[in-house]
Amino acid sequence: MNDPEDQAWLKEMIVSLLENMATRVENLGRLLVSKEPKDLQAELHQIKGVAANFGLAALSEVVIKAEGFAKTGEIDSSVEEGKKIAAIWESTRQELEKKFST
């Protein structure tokens, strides 16, 4: 990807990802405390979509588990799995910022 237009587009997408996920992780943090099943499942579903769209495999794996627990009403298990998401995202965010100098 040496084309300047492609690089600019990719950087724009990464900036959008970083902003979106900052909001998502913040929302998730509140929901992990409130344990509101429908809202928790919905937020996990949104994060799962973002992770899938950007090919974030480690994040996707954990979110899929957490959402699965939420879907079956295993909220405490969903919360425990969901607590891993912020740390995985932070590591991913740092790598993206280093690579794309955002």
PDB file of N, CA and C in Angstrom:
ATOM      1  N   MET A   1       0.846  -1.169   0.000  1.00  0.00           N
ATOM      2  CA  MET A   1       0.000   0.000   0.000  1.00  0.00           C
ATOM      3  C   MET A   1       0.895   1.236   0.000  1.00  0.00           C
ATOM      4  N   ASN A   2       1.462   1.535  -1.147  1.00  0.00           N
ATOM      5  CA  ASN A   2       2.368   2.668  -1.268  1.00  0.00           C
ATOM      6  C   ASN A   2       1.706   3.911  -1.827  1.00  0.00           C
ATOM      7  N   ASP A   3       0.508   3.774  -2.355  1.00  0.00           N
ATOM      8  CA  ASP A   3      -0.210   4.908  -2.914  1.00  0.00           C
ATOM      9  C   ASP A   3      -0.600   5.868  -1.788  1.00  0.00           C
ATOM     10  N   PRO A   4      -0.231   7.147  -1.898  1.00  0.00           N
ATOM     11  CA  PRO A   4      -0.560   8.116  -0.847  1.00  0.00           C
ATOM     12  C   PRO A   4      -2.057   8.203  -0.543  1.00  0.00           C
ATOM     13  N   GLU A   5      -2.886   8.062  -1.565  1.00  0.00           N
ATOM     14  CA  GLU A   5      -4.334   8.105  -1.329  1.00  0.00           C
ATOM     15  C   GLU A   5      -4.782   6.896  -0.509  1.00  0.00           C
ATOM     16  N   ASP A   6      -4.229   5.732  -0.814  1.00  0.00           N
ATOM     17  CA  ASP A   6      -4.559   4.529  -0.045  1.00  0.00           C
ATOM     18  C   ASP A   6      -4.094   4.666   1.402  1.00  0.00           C
ATOM     19  N   GLN A   7      -2.894   5.204   1.572  1.00  0.00           N
ATOM     20  CA  GLN A   7      -2.365   5.396   2.921  1.00  0.00           C
ATOM     21  C   GLN A   7      -3.220   6.382   3.709  1.00  0.00           C
ATOM     22  N   ALA A   8      -3.653   7.450   3.054  1.00  0.00           N
ATOM     23  CA  ALA A   8      -4.505   8.440   3.718  1.00  0.00           C
ATOM     24  C   ALA A   8      -5.844   7.822   4.105  1.00  0.00           C
ATOM     25  N   TRP A   9      -6.406   7.023   3.203  1.00  0.00           N
ATOM     26  CA  TRP A   9      -7.681   6.365   3.487  1.00  0.00           C
ATOM     27  C   TRP A   9      -7.544   5.420   4.678  1.00  0.00           C
ATOM     28  N   LEU A  10      -6.471   4.629   4.677  1.00  0.00           N
ATOM     29  CA  LEU A  10      -6.255   3.678   5.761  1.00  0.00           C
ATOM     30  C   LEU A  10      -6.070   4.403   7.093  1.00  0.00           C
ATOM     31  N   LYS A  11      -5.301   5.471   7.075  1.00  0.00           N
ATOM     32  CA  LYS A  11      -5.096   6.231   8.308  1.00  0.00           C
ATOM     33  C   LYS A  11      -6.425   6.793   8.806  1.00  0.00           C
ATOM     34  N   GLU A  12      -7.257   7.268   7.899  1.00  0.00           N
ATOM     35  CA  GLU A  12      -8.580   7.782   8.266  1.00  0.00           C
ATOM     36  C   GLU A  12      -9.427   6.673   8.903  1.00  0.00           C
ATOM     37  N   MET A  13      -9.352   5.485   8.335  1.00  0.00           N
ATOM     38  CA  MET A  13     -10.098   4.348   8.886  1.00  0.00           C
ATOM     39  C   MET A  13      -9.592   3.983  10.290  1.00  0.00           C
ATOM     40  N   ILE A  14      -8.291   4.030  10.479  1.00  0.00           N
ATOM     41  CA  ILE A  14      -7.711   3.704  11.784  1.00  0.00           C
ATOM     42  C   ILE A  14      -8.120   4.745  12.821  1.00  0.00           C
ATOM     43  N   VAL A  15      -8.095   6.014  12.442  1.00  0.00           N
ATOM     44  CA  VAL A  15      -8.532   7.074  13.357  1.00  0.00           C
ATOM     45  C   VAL A  15      -9.989   6.853  13.748  1.00  0.00           C
ATOM     46  N   SER A  16     -10.816   6.508  12.774  1.00  0.00           N
ATOM     47  CA  SER A  16     -12.229   6.225  13.040  1.00  0.00           C
ATOM     48  C   SER A  16     -12.368   5.034  13.995  1.00  0.00           C
ATOM     49  N   LEU A  17     -11.587   3.998  13.764  1.00  0.00           N
ATOM     50  CA  LEU A  17     -11.598   2.821  14.637  1.00  0.00           C
ATOM     51  C   LEU A  17     -11.228   3.212  16.063  1.00  0.00           C
ATOM     52  N   LEU A  18     -10.173   3.982  16.211  1.00  0.00           N
ATOM     53  CA  LEU A  18      -9.715   4.378  17.541  1.00  0.00           C
ATOM     54  C   LEU A  18     -10.784   5.176  18.280  1.00  0.00           C
ATOM     55  N   GLU A  19     -11.430   6.098  17.577  1.00  0.00           N
ATOM     56  CA  GLU A  19     -12.482   6.911  18.192  1.00  0.00           C
ATOM     57  C   GLU A  19     -13.687   6.047  18.559  1.00  0.00           C
ATOM     58  N   ASN A  20     -14.102   5.193  17.636  1.00  0.00           N
ATOM     59  CA  ASN A  20     -15.256   4.332  17.860  1.00  0.00           C
ATOM     60  C   ASN A  20     -15.019   3.412  19.054  1.00  0.00           C
ATOM     61  N   MET A  21     -13.869   2.794  19.086  1.00  0.00           N
ATOM     62  CA  MET A  21     -13.588   1.834  20.154  1.00  0.00           C
ATOM     63  C   MET A  21     -13.399   2.519  21.503  1.00  0.00           C
ATOM     64  N   ALA A  22     -12.919   3.747  21.520  1.00  0.00           N
ATOM     65  CA  ALA A  22     -12.817   4.469  22.793  1.00  0.00           C
ATOM     66  C   ALA A  22     -14.203   4.588  23.418  1.00  0.00           C
ATOM     67  N   THR A  23     -15.178   4.929  22.596  1.00  0.00           N
ATOM     68  CA  THR A  23     -16.558   5.036  23.066  1.00  0.00           C
ATOM     69  C   THR A  23     -17.100   3.674  23.470  1.00  0.00           C
ATOM     70  N   ARG A  24     -16.852   2.672  22.639  1.00  0.00           N
ATOM     71  CA  ARG A  24     -17.373   1.328  22.912  1.00  0.00           C
ATOM     72  C   ARG A  24     -16.812   0.764  24.222  1.00  0.00           C
ATOM     73  N   VAL A  25     -15.527   0.927  24.445  1.00  0.00           N
ATOM     74  CA  VAL A  25     -14.898   0.398  25.659  1.00  0.00           C
ATOM     75  C   VAL A  25     -15.423   1.148  26.889  1.00  0.00           C
ATOM     76  N   GLU A  26     -15.631   2.446  26.741  1.00  0.00           N
ATOM     77  CA  GLU A  26     -16.207   3.230  27.842  1.00  0.00           C
ATOM     78  C   GLU A  26     -17.619   2.731  28.168  1.00  0.00           C
ATOM     79  N   ASN A  27     -18.436   2.561  27.136  1.00  0.00           N
ATOM     80  CA  ASN A  27     -19.794   2.039  27.334  1.00  0.00           C
ATOM     81  C   ASN A  27     -19.753   0.658  27.982  1.00  0.00           C
ATOM     82  N   LEU A  28     -18.870  -0.190  27.478  1.00  0.00           N
ATOM     83  CA  LEU A  28     -18.762  -1.548  28.003  1.00  0.00           C
ATOM     84  C   LEU A  28     -18.403  -1.531  29.486  1.00  0.00           C
ATOM     85  N   GLY A  29     -17.498  -0.653  29.863  1.00  0.00           N
ATOM     86  CA  GLY A  29     -17.109  -0.558  31.269  1.00  0.00           C
ATOM     87  C   GLY A  29     -18.303  -0.309  32.176  1.00  0.00           C
ATOM     88  N   ARG A  30     -19.173   0.591  31.761  1.00  0.00           N
ATOM     89  CA  ARG A  30     -20.385   0.870  32.546  1.00  0.00           C
ATOM     90  C   ARG A  30     -21.306  -0.348  32.583  1.00  0.00           C
ATOM     91  N   LEU A  31     -21.440  -1.013  31.440  1.00  0.00           N
ATOM     92  CA  LEU A  31     -22.344  -2.162  31.358  1.00  0.00           C
ATOM     93  C   LEU A  31     -21.829  -3.377  32.124  1.00  0.00           C
ATOM     94  N   LEU A  32     -20.529  -3.501  32.252  1.00  0.00           N
ATOM     95  CA  LEU A  32     -19.973  -4.597  33.043  1.00  0.00           C
ATOM     96  C   LEU A  32     -20.298  -4.420  34.522  1.00  0.00           C
ATOM     97  N   VAL A  33     -20.547  -3.176  34.920  1.00  0.00           N
ATOM     98  CA  VAL A  33     -20.940  -2.892  36.300  1.00  0.00           C
ATOM     99  C   VAL A  33     -22.447  -3.051  36.472  1.00  0.00           C
ATOM    100  N   SER A  34     -23.215  -2.470  35.550  1.00  0.00           N
ATOM    101  CA  SER A  34     -24.682  -2.510  35.673  1.00  0.00           C
ATOM    102  C   SER A  34     -25.264  -3.887  35.353  1.00  0.00           C
ATOM    103  N   LYS A  35     -24.556  -4.637  34.512  1.00  0.00           N
ATOM    104  CA  LYS A  35     -24.969  -5.994  34.112  1.00  0.00           C
ATOM    105  C   LYS A  35     -26.361  -6.030  33.479  1.00  0.00           C
ATOM    106  N   GLU A  36     -26.721  -4.978  32.763  1.00  0.00           N
ATOM    107  CA  GLU A  36     -28.022  -4.931  32.083  1.00  0.00           C
ATOM    108  C   GLU A  36     -27.927  -5.836  30.862  1.00  0.00           C
ATOM    109  N   PRO A  37     -28.613  -6.969  30.864  1.00  0.00           N
ATOM    110  CA  PRO A  37     -28.405  -8.002  29.844  1.00  0.00           C
ATOM    111  C   PRO A  37     -28.557  -7.541  28.394  1.00  0.00           C
ATOM    112  N   LYS A  38     -29.638  -6.874  28.070  1.00  0.00           N
ATOM    113  CA  LYS A  38     -29.863  -6.493  26.672  1.00  0.00           C
ATOM    114  C   LYS A  38     -28.846  -5.468  26.200  1.00  0.00           C
ATOM    115  N   ASP A  39     -28.567  -4.468  27.040  1.00  0.00           N
ATOM    116  CA  ASP A  39     -27.594  -3.443  26.656  1.00  0.00           C
ATOM    117  C   ASP A  39     -26.187  -4.025  26.569  1.00  0.00           C
ATOM    118  N   LEU A  40     -25.848  -4.913  27.494  1.00  0.00           N
ATOM    119  CA  LEU A  40     -24.534  -5.562  27.470  1.00  0.00           C
ATOM    120  C   LEU A  40     -24.375  -6.377  26.194  1.00  0.00           C
ATOM    121  N   GLN A  41     -25.376  -7.165  25.874  1.00  0.00           N
ATOM    122  CA  GLN A  41     -25.310  -7.974  24.654  1.00  0.00           C
ATOM    123  C   GLN A  41     -25.204  -7.088  23.420  1.00  0.00           C
ATOM    124  N   ALA A  42     -25.968  -6.001  23.395  1.00  0.00           N
ATOM    125  CA  ALA A  42     -25.940  -5.099  22.237  1.00  0.00           C
ATOM    126  C   ALA A  42     -24.565  -4.456  22.066  1.00  0.00           C
ATOM    127  N   GLU A  43     -23.958  -4.028  23.162  1.00  0.00           N
ATOM    128  CA  GLU A  43     -22.634  -3.398  23.077  1.00  0.00           C
ATOM    129  C   GLU A  43     -21.584  -4.416  22.645  1.00  0.00           C
ATOM    130  N   LEU A  44     -21.662  -5.608  23.191  1.00  0.00           N
ATOM    131  CA  LEU A  44     -20.730  -6.662  22.782  1.00  0.00           C
ATOM    132  C   LEU A  44     -20.895  -6.981  21.301  1.00  0.00           C
ATOM    133  N   HIS A  45     -22.118  -6.973  20.835  1.00  0.00           N
ATOM    134  CA  HIS A  45     -22.379  -7.231  19.419  1.00  0.00           C
ATOM    135  C   HIS A  45     -21.735  -6.148  18.546  1.00  0.00           C
ATOM    136  N   GLN A  46     -21.842  -4.899  18.973  1.00  0.00           N
ATOM    137  CA  GLN A  46     -21.219  -3.801  18.226  1.00  0.00           C
ATOM    138  C   GLN A  46     -19.695  -3.965  18.187  1.00  0.00           C
ATOM    139  N   ILE A  47     -19.120  -4.288  19.319  1.00  0.00           N
ATOM    140  CA  ILE A  47     -17.665  -4.475  19.381  1.00  0.00           C
ATOM    141  C   ILE A  47     -17.249  -5.660  18.516  1.00  0.00           C
ATOM    142  N   LYS A  48     -18.050  -6.708  18.541  1.00  0.00           N
ATOM    143  CA  LYS A  48     -17.755  -7.880  17.703  1.00  0.00           C
ATOM    144  C   LYS A  48     -17.710  -7.482  16.231  1.00  0.00           C
ATOM    145  N   GLY A  49     -18.640  -6.666  15.806  1.00  0.00           N
ATOM    146  CA  GLY A  49     -18.673  -6.217  14.416  1.00  0.00           C
ATOM    147  C   GLY A  49     -17.453  -5.392  14.050  1.00  0.00           C
ATOM    148  N   VAL A  50     -17.077  -4.485  14.931  1.00  0.00           N
ATOM    149  CA  VAL A  50     -15.890  -3.660  14.692  1.00  0.00           C
ATOM    150  C   VAL A  50     -14.657  -4.555  14.599  1.00  0.00           C
ATOM    151  N   ALA A  51     -14.525  -5.477  15.538  1.00  0.00           N
ATOM    152  CA  ALA A  51     -13.366  -6.381  15.546  1.00  0.00           C
ATOM    153  C   ALA A  51     -13.310  -7.210  14.266  1.00  0.00           C
ATOM    154  N   ALA A  52     -14.455  -7.696  13.834  1.00  0.00           N
ATOM    155  CA  ALA A  52     -14.499  -8.502  12.605  1.00  0.00           C
ATOM    156  C   ALA A  52     -14.152  -7.662  11.383  1.00  0.00           C
ATOM    157  N   ASN A  53     -14.695  -6.462  11.310  1.00  0.00           N
ATOM    158  CA  ASN A  53     -14.442  -5.599  10.150  1.00  0.00           C
ATOM    159  C   ASN A  53     -12.974  -5.234   9.999  1.00  0.00           C
ATOM    160  N   PHE A  54     -12.265  -5.140  11.115  1.00  0.00           N
ATOM    161  CA  PHE A  54     -10.859  -4.757  11.064  1.00  0.00           C
ATOM    162  C   PHE A  54      -9.916  -5.945  11.231  1.00  0.00           C
ATOM    163  N   GLY A  55     -10.460  -7.143  11.319  1.00  0.00           N
ATOM    164  CA  GLY A  55      -9.622  -8.333  11.427  1.00  0.00           C
ATOM    165  C   GLY A  55      -8.862  -8.433  12.738  1.00  0.00           C
ATOM    166  N   LEU A  56      -9.467  -7.963  13.813  1.00  0.00           N
ATOM    167  CA  LEU A  56      -8.820  -7.988  15.122  1.00  0.00           C
ATOM    168  C   LEU A  56      -9.158  -9.308  15.819  1.00  0.00           C
ATOM    169  N   ALA A  57      -8.390 -10.331  15.494  1.00  0.00           N
ATOM    170  CA  ALA A  57      -8.710 -11.705  15.889  1.00  0.00           C
ATOM    171  C   ALA A  57      -8.749 -11.912  17.400  1.00  0.00           C
ATOM    172  N   ALA A  58      -7.771 -11.419  18.119  1.00  0.00           N
ATOM    173  CA  ALA A  58      -7.732 -11.634  19.572  1.00  0.00           C
ATOM    174  C   ALA A  58      -8.935 -10.980  20.241  1.00  0.00           C
ATOM    175  N   LEU A  59      -9.251  -9.779  19.823  1.00  0.00           N
ATOM    176  CA  LEU A  59     -10.408  -9.073  20.369  1.00  0.00           C
ATOM    177  C   LEU A  59     -11.693  -9.797  19.998  1.00  0.00           C
ATOM    178  N   SER A  60     -11.790 -10.185  18.763  1.00  0.00           N
ATOM    179  CA  SER A  60     -12.983 -10.866  18.268  1.00  0.00           C
ATOM    180  C   SER A  60     -13.254 -12.145  19.052  1.00  0.00           C
ATOM    181  N   GLU A  61     -12.224 -12.908  19.322  1.00  0.00           N
ATOM    182  CA  GLU A  61     -12.378 -14.184  20.032  1.00  0.00           C
ATOM    183  C   GLU A  61     -13.010 -13.991  21.410  1.00  0.00           C
ATOM    184  N   VAL A  62     -12.527 -13.011  22.145  1.00  0.00           N
ATOM    185  CA  VAL A  62     -13.041 -12.761  23.492  1.00  0.00           C
ATOM    186  C   VAL A  62     -14.460 -12.197  23.432  1.00  0.00           C
ATOM    187  N   VAL A  63     -14.699 -11.290  22.506  1.00  0.00           N
ATOM    188  CA  VAL A  63     -16.025 -10.679  22.396  1.00  0.00           C
ATOM    189  C   VAL A  63     -17.071 -11.726  22.005  1.00  0.00           C
ATOM    190  N   ILE A  64     -16.707 -12.627  21.116  1.00  0.00           N
ATOM    191  CA  ILE A  64     -17.640 -13.695  20.723  1.00  0.00           C
ATOM    192  C   ILE A  64     -18.034 -14.528  21.946  1.00  0.00           C
ATOM    193  N   LYS A  65     -17.057 -14.859  22.786  1.00  0.00           N
ATOM    194  CA  LYS A  65     -17.358 -15.627  24.001  1.00  0.00           C
ATOM    195  C   LYS A  65     -18.273 -14.833  24.934  1.00  0.00           C
ATOM    196  N   ALA A  66     -17.921 -13.572  25.159  1.00  0.00           N
ATOM    197  CA  ALA A  66     -18.706 -12.741  26.076  1.00  0.00           C
ATOM    198  C   ALA A  66     -20.130 -12.558  25.568  1.00  0.00           C
ATOM    199  N   GLU A  67     -20.271 -12.326  24.269  1.00  0.00           N
ATOM    200  CA  GLU A  67     -21.611 -12.158  23.709  1.00  0.00           C
ATOM    201  C   GLU A  67     -22.397 -13.469  23.800  1.00  0.00           C
ATOM    202  N   GLY A  68     -21.738 -14.574  23.559  1.00  0.00           N
ATOM    203  CA  GLY A  68     -22.402 -15.872  23.662  1.00  0.00           C
ATOM    204  C   GLY A  68     -22.965 -16.108  25.055  1.00  0.00           C
ATOM    205  N   PHE A  69     -22.175 -15.777  26.064  1.00  0.00           N
ATOM    206  CA  PHE A  69     -22.662 -15.904  27.438  1.00  0.00           C
ATOM    207  C   PHE A  69     -23.859 -14.984  27.676  1.00  0.00           C
ATOM    208  N   ALA A  70     -23.770 -13.756  27.185  1.00  0.00           N
ATOM    209  CA  ALA A  70     -24.878 -12.805  27.375  1.00  0.00           C
ATOM    210  C   ALA A  70     -26.148 -13.317  26.704  1.00  0.00           C
ATOM    211  N   LYS A  71     -26.008 -13.891  25.522  1.00  0.00           N
ATOM    212  CA  LYS A  71     -27.176 -14.403  24.784  1.00  0.00           C
ATOM    213  C   LYS A  71     -27.889 -15.519  25.537  1.00  0.00           C
ATOM    214  N   THR A  72     -27.119 -16.322  26.267  1.00  0.00           N
ATOM    215  CA  THR A  72     -27.723 -17.452  26.985  1.00  0.00           C
ATOM    216  C   THR A  72     -28.080 -17.101  28.429  1.00  0.00           C
ATOM    217  N   GLY A  73     -27.961 -15.821  28.769  1.00  0.00           N
ATOM    218  CA  GLY A  73     -28.341 -15.378  30.104  1.00  0.00           C
ATOM    219  C   GLY A  73     -27.286 -15.593  31.170  1.00  0.00           C
ATOM    220  N   GLU A  74     -26.093 -15.994  30.756  1.00  0.00           N
ATOM    221  CA  GLU A  74     -24.995 -16.207  31.707  1.00  0.00           C
ATOM    222  C   GLU A  74     -24.239 -14.889  31.884  1.00  0.00           C
ATOM    223  N   ILE A  75     -24.907 -13.944  32.541  1.00  0.00           N
ATOM    224  CA  ILE A  75     -24.392 -12.577  32.616  1.00  0.00           C
ATOM    225  C   ILE A  75     -23.082 -12.504  33.392  1.00  0.00           C
ATOM    226  N   ASP A  76     -22.972 -13.212  34.501  1.00  0.00           N
ATOM    227  CA  ASP A  76     -21.718 -13.166  35.263  1.00  0.00           C
ATOM    228  C   ASP A  76     -20.542 -13.690  34.433  1.00  0.00           C
ATOM    229  N   SER A  77     -20.760 -14.743  33.668  1.00  0.00           N
ATOM    230  CA  SER A  77     -19.706 -15.268  32.784  1.00  0.00           C
ATOM    231  C   SER A  77     -19.398 -14.272  31.673  1.00  0.00           C
ATOM    232  N   SER A  78     -20.430 -13.623  31.167  1.00  0.00           N
ATOM    233  CA  SER A  78     -20.238 -12.609  30.133  1.00  0.00           C
ATOM    234  C   SER A  78     -19.402 -11.452  30.674  1.00  0.00           C
ATOM    235  N   VAL A  79     -19.717 -11.036  31.887  1.00  0.00           N
ATOM    236  CA  VAL A  79     -18.971  -9.942  32.518  1.00  0.00           C
ATOM    237  C   VAL A  79     -17.512 -10.342  32.722  1.00  0.00           C
ATOM    238  N   GLU A  80     -17.272 -11.544  33.216  1.00  0.00           N
ATOM    239  CA  GLU A  80     -15.891 -11.994  33.436  1.00  0.00           C
ATOM    240  C   GLU A  80     -15.104 -12.011  32.124  1.00  0.00           C
ATOM    241  N   GLU A  81     -15.724 -12.509  31.074  1.00  0.00           N
ATOM    242  CA  GLU A  81     -15.052 -12.524  29.764  1.00  0.00           C
ATOM    243  C   GLU A  81     -14.903 -11.093  29.252  1.00  0.00           C
ATOM    244  N   GLY A  82     -15.946 -10.304  29.451  1.00  0.00           N
ATOM    245  CA  GLY A  82     -15.941  -8.917  28.984  1.00  0.00           C
ATOM    246  C   GLY A  82     -14.876  -8.057  29.634  1.00  0.00           C
ATOM    247  N   LYS A  83     -14.493  -8.411  30.850  1.00  0.00           N
ATOM    248  CA  LYS A  83     -13.449  -7.650  31.548  1.00  0.00           C
ATOM    249  C   LYS A  83     -12.100  -7.745  30.840  1.00  0.00           C
ATOM    250  N   LYS A  84     -11.919  -8.726  30.003  1.00  0.00           N
ATOM    251  CA  LYS A  84     -10.658  -8.903  29.267  1.00  0.00           C
ATOM    252  C   LYS A  84     -10.554  -7.954  28.072  1.00  0.00           C
ATOM    253  N   ILE A  85     -11.680  -7.435  27.637  1.00  0.00           N
ATOM    254  CA  ILE A  85     -11.738  -6.680  26.381  1.00  0.00           C
ATOM    255  C   ILE A  85     -10.921  -5.397  26.435  1.00  0.00           C
ATOM    256  N   ALA A  86     -11.026  -4.631  27.519  1.00  0.00           N
ATOM    257  CA  ALA A  86     -10.319  -3.350  27.597  1.00  0.00           C
ATOM    258  C   ALA A  86      -8.808  -3.534  27.456  1.00  0.00           C
ATOM    259  N   ALA A  87      -8.251  -4.538  28.112  1.00  0.00           N
ATOM    260  CA  ALA A  87      -6.801  -4.767  28.037  1.00  0.00           C
ATOM    261  C   ALA A  87      -6.379  -5.197  26.636  1.00  0.00           C
ATOM    262  N   ILE A  88      -7.172  -6.058  26.029  1.00  0.00           N
ATOM    263  CA  ILE A  88      -6.854  -6.487  24.659  1.00  0.00           C
ATOM    264  C   ILE A  88      -6.935  -5.294  23.723  1.00  0.00           C
ATOM    265  N   TRP A  89      -7.974  -4.477  23.896  1.00  0.00           N
ATOM    266  CA  TRP A  89      -8.107  -3.299  23.039  1.00  0.00           C
ATOM    267  C   TRP A  89      -6.941  -2.340  23.257  1.00  0.00           C
ATOM    268  N   GLU A  90      -6.528  -2.131  24.501  1.00  0.00           N
ATOM    269  CA  GLU A  90      -5.437  -1.199  24.784  1.00  0.00           C
ATOM    270  C   GLU A  90      -4.157  -1.643  24.076  1.00  0.00           C
ATOM    271  N   SER A  91      -3.861  -2.914  24.131  1.00  0.00           N
ATOM    272  CA  SER A  91      -2.686  -3.445  23.439  1.00  0.00           C
ATOM    273  C   SER A  91      -2.810  -3.240  21.927  1.00  0.00           C
ATOM    274  N   THR A  92      -3.984  -3.517  21.402  1.00  0.00           N
ATOM    275  CA  THR A  92      -4.239  -3.340  19.966  1.00  0.00           C
ATOM    276  C   THR A  92      -4.112  -1.876  19.580  1.00  0.00           C
ATOM    277  N   ARG A  93      -4.685  -1.001  20.402  1.00  0.00           N
ATOM    278  CA  ARG A  93      -4.642   0.441  20.134  1.00  0.00           C
ATOM    279  C   ARG A  93      -3.199   0.935  20.074  1.00  0.00           C
ATOM    280  N   GLN A  94      -2.397   0.505  21.020  1.00  0.00           N
ATOM    281  CA  GLN A  94      -0.999   0.934  21.042  1.00  0.00           C
ATOM    282  C   GLN A  94      -0.265   0.491  19.784  1.00  0.00           C
ATOM    283  N   GLU A  95      -0.499  -0.732  19.361  1.00  0.00           N
ATOM    284  CA  GLU A  95       0.134  -1.236  18.136  1.00  0.00           C
ATOM    285  C   GLU A  95      -0.304  -0.430  16.913  1.00  0.00           C
ATOM    286  N   LEU A  96      -1.592  -0.147  16.835  1.00  0.00           N
ATOM    287  CA  LEU A  96      -2.106   0.625  15.698  1.00  0.00           C
ATOM    288  C   LEU A  96      -1.531   2.034  15.687  1.00  0.00           C
ATOM    289  N   GLU A  97      -1.486   2.664  16.849  1.00  0.00           N
ATOM    290  CA  GLU A  97      -0.938   4.016  16.913  1.00  0.00           C
ATOM    291  C   GLU A  97       0.534   4.033  16.544  1.00  0.00           C
ATOM    292  N   LYS A  98       1.265   3.016  16.975  1.00  0.00           N
ATOM    293  CA  LYS A  98       2.691   2.937  16.634  1.00  0.00           C
ATOM    294  C   LYS A  98       2.861   2.748  15.123  1.00  0.00           C
ATOM    295  N   LYS A  99       2.071   1.854  14.565  1.00  0.00           N
ATOM    296  CA  LYS A  99       2.201   1.533  13.146  1.00  0.00           C
ATOM    297  C   LYS A  99       1.737   2.671  12.241  1.00  0.00           C
ATOM    298  N   PHE A 100       0.665   3.342  12.646  1.00  0.00           N
ATOM    299  CA  PHE A 100       0.085   4.369  11.786  1.00  0.00           C
ATOM    300  C   PHE A 100       0.349   5.779  12.276  1.00  0.00           C
ATOM    301  N   SER A 101       1.107   5.915  13.352  1.00  0.00           N
ATOM    302  CA  SER A 101       1.479   7.227  13.889  1.00  0.00           C
ATOM    303  C   SER A 101       0.296   8.178  13.950  1.00  0.00           C
ATOM    304  N   THR A 102      -0.783   7.733  14.606  1.00  0.00           N
ATOM    305  CA  THR A 102      -1.973   8.584  14.699  1.00  0.00           C
ATOM    306  C   THR A 102      -1.848   9.578  15.821  1.00  0.00           C
TER     307      THR A 102
END
